[in-house]
Amino acid sequence: MNAARFIVRGRVQGVFFRASTRDRAVTLKLAGHARNLLDGSVEVVAYGEAVAIDQLEAWLHQGPPTASVEELYREELHPHEAPATFVVK
């Protein structure tokens, strides 16, 4: 099991970024969450296979059509017990 935390900056709130991220993560069989942060960015935490997390990262660089991603930061996590699903917080 692998895990990574992403911070996505740009026009990423109010453009269905979290819901679209959840849909992509579910397709990739990842667990975790996506949530808005107070500074206007979105935090995404993903648990699963390394290849699937890399595919999610590639998608996060662009996001849904209504988003404008300016910066993406990735941090590897030491996975603890992974959640069962991917949720929007």
Protein backbone atom coordinates (compact mmCIF):
# COMPACT_ATOMS: atom_id res chain seq x y z
CA MET A 1 0.00 0.00 0.00
CA ASN A 2 1.22 3.46 -0.95
CA ALA A 3 -0.05 6.87 0.06
CA ALA A 4 0.48 10.45 -1.07
CA ARG A 5 -0.82 13.89 -0.13
CA PHE A 6 -1.31 16.54 -2.79
CA ILE A 7 -1.94 20.26 -2.48
CA VAL A 8 -3.49 21.72 -5.61
CA ARG A 9 -3.40 25.51 -6.08
CA GLY A 10 -5.10 27.70 -8.64
CA ARG A 11 -8.77 28.05 -9.51
CA VAL A 12 -9.72 24.78 -7.85
CA GLN A 13 -12.60 25.65 -5.50
CA GLY A 14 -16.15 26.09 -6.76
CA VAL A 15 -15.39 24.27 -10.03
CA PHE A 16 -16.31 20.67 -9.04
CA PHE A 17 -12.64 19.84 -8.46
CA ARG A 18 -13.26 17.68 -5.38
CA ALA A 19 -16.15 15.72 -6.91
CA SER A 20 -14.22 15.19 -10.14
CA THR A 21 -11.18 14.07 -8.13
CA ARG A 22 -13.34 11.57 -6.24
CA ASP A 23 -14.70 10.20 -9.53
CA ARG A 24 -11.17 9.80 -10.92
CA ALA A 25 -9.89 8.21 -7.70
CA VAL A 26 -12.76 5.72 -7.60
CA THR A 27 -12.04 4.78 -11.22
CA LEU A 28 -8.40 4.19 -10.22
CA LYS A 29 -9.49 2.13 -7.17
CA LEU A 30 -7.95 4.58 -4.71
CA ALA A 31 -9.17 5.43 -1.22
CA GLY A 32 -8.71 8.75 0.57
CA HIS A 33 -10.24 12.20 0.46
CA ALA A 34 -10.36 15.59 -1.23
CA ARG A 35 -11.13 18.71 0.79
CA ASN A 36 -11.03 22.47 0.41
CA LEU A 37 -8.45 24.34 2.48
CA LEU A 38 -8.93 27.84 3.87
CA ASP A 39 -6.24 29.31 1.57
CA GLY A 40 -8.28 28.39 -1.55
CA SER A 41 -6.33 25.24 -2.39
CA VAL A 42 -7.52 21.63 -2.38
CA GLU A 43 -5.91 18.83 -0.39
CA VAL A 44 -6.06 15.32 -1.86
CA VAL A 45 -4.88 12.27 0.08
CA ALA A 46 -4.79 9.00 -1.84
CA TYR A 47 -4.11 5.42 -0.74
CA GLY A 48 -3.55 2.54 -3.14
CA GLU A 49 -1.24 1.16 -5.79
CA ALA A 50 1.72 3.38 -6.74
CA VAL A 51 0.80 3.36 -10.44
CA ALA A 52 -2.76 4.50 -9.66
CA ILE A 53 -1.50 7.31 -7.41
CA ASP A 54 0.84 8.43 -10.21
CA GLN A 55 -2.10 8.41 -12.64
CA LEU A 56 -4.14 10.51 -10.23
CA GLU A 57 -1.23 12.94 -9.94
CA ALA A 58 -1.08 13.30 -13.73
CA TRP A 59 -4.82 14.05 -13.76
CA LEU A 60 -4.50 16.55 -10.88
CA HIS A 61 -2.09 18.66 -12.96
CA GLN A 62 -5.09 19.50 -15.15
CA GLY A 63 -8.20 18.68 -13.14
CA PRO A 64 -11.72 19.08 -14.53
CA PRO A 65 -12.32 21.38 -17.53
CA THR A 66 -13.56 24.26 -15.33
CA ALA A 67 -10.41 24.31 -13.16
CA SER A 68 -7.12 26.10 -13.69
CA VAL A 69 -4.29 24.35 -11.84
CA GLU A 70 -1.31 26.62 -11.20
CA GLU A 71 0.70 24.50 -8.79
CA LEU A 72 0.72 20.91 -7.57
CA TYR A 73 2.71 19.74 -4.56
CA ARG A 74 3.18 16.04 -3.70
CA GLU A 75 4.25 14.56 -0.37
CA GLU A 76 4.76 10.83 0.13
CA LEU A 77 3.04 9.51 3.24
CA HIS A 78 3.76 6.48 5.35
CA PRO A 79 0.44 4.73 4.96
CA HIS A 80 -1.46 3.87 8.07
CA GLU A 81 -4.70 2.03 7.86
CA ALA A 82 -6.32 3.21 4.64
CA PRO A 83 -9.96 4.27 4.56
CA ALA A 84 -12.36 2.01 2.68
CA THR A 85 -13.47 4.62 0.12
CA PHE A 86 -12.62 7.99 -1.41
CA VAL A 87 -14.72 10.83 -0.01
CA VAL A 88 -15.21 14.55 -0.46
CA LYS A 89 -14.90 16.42 2.82
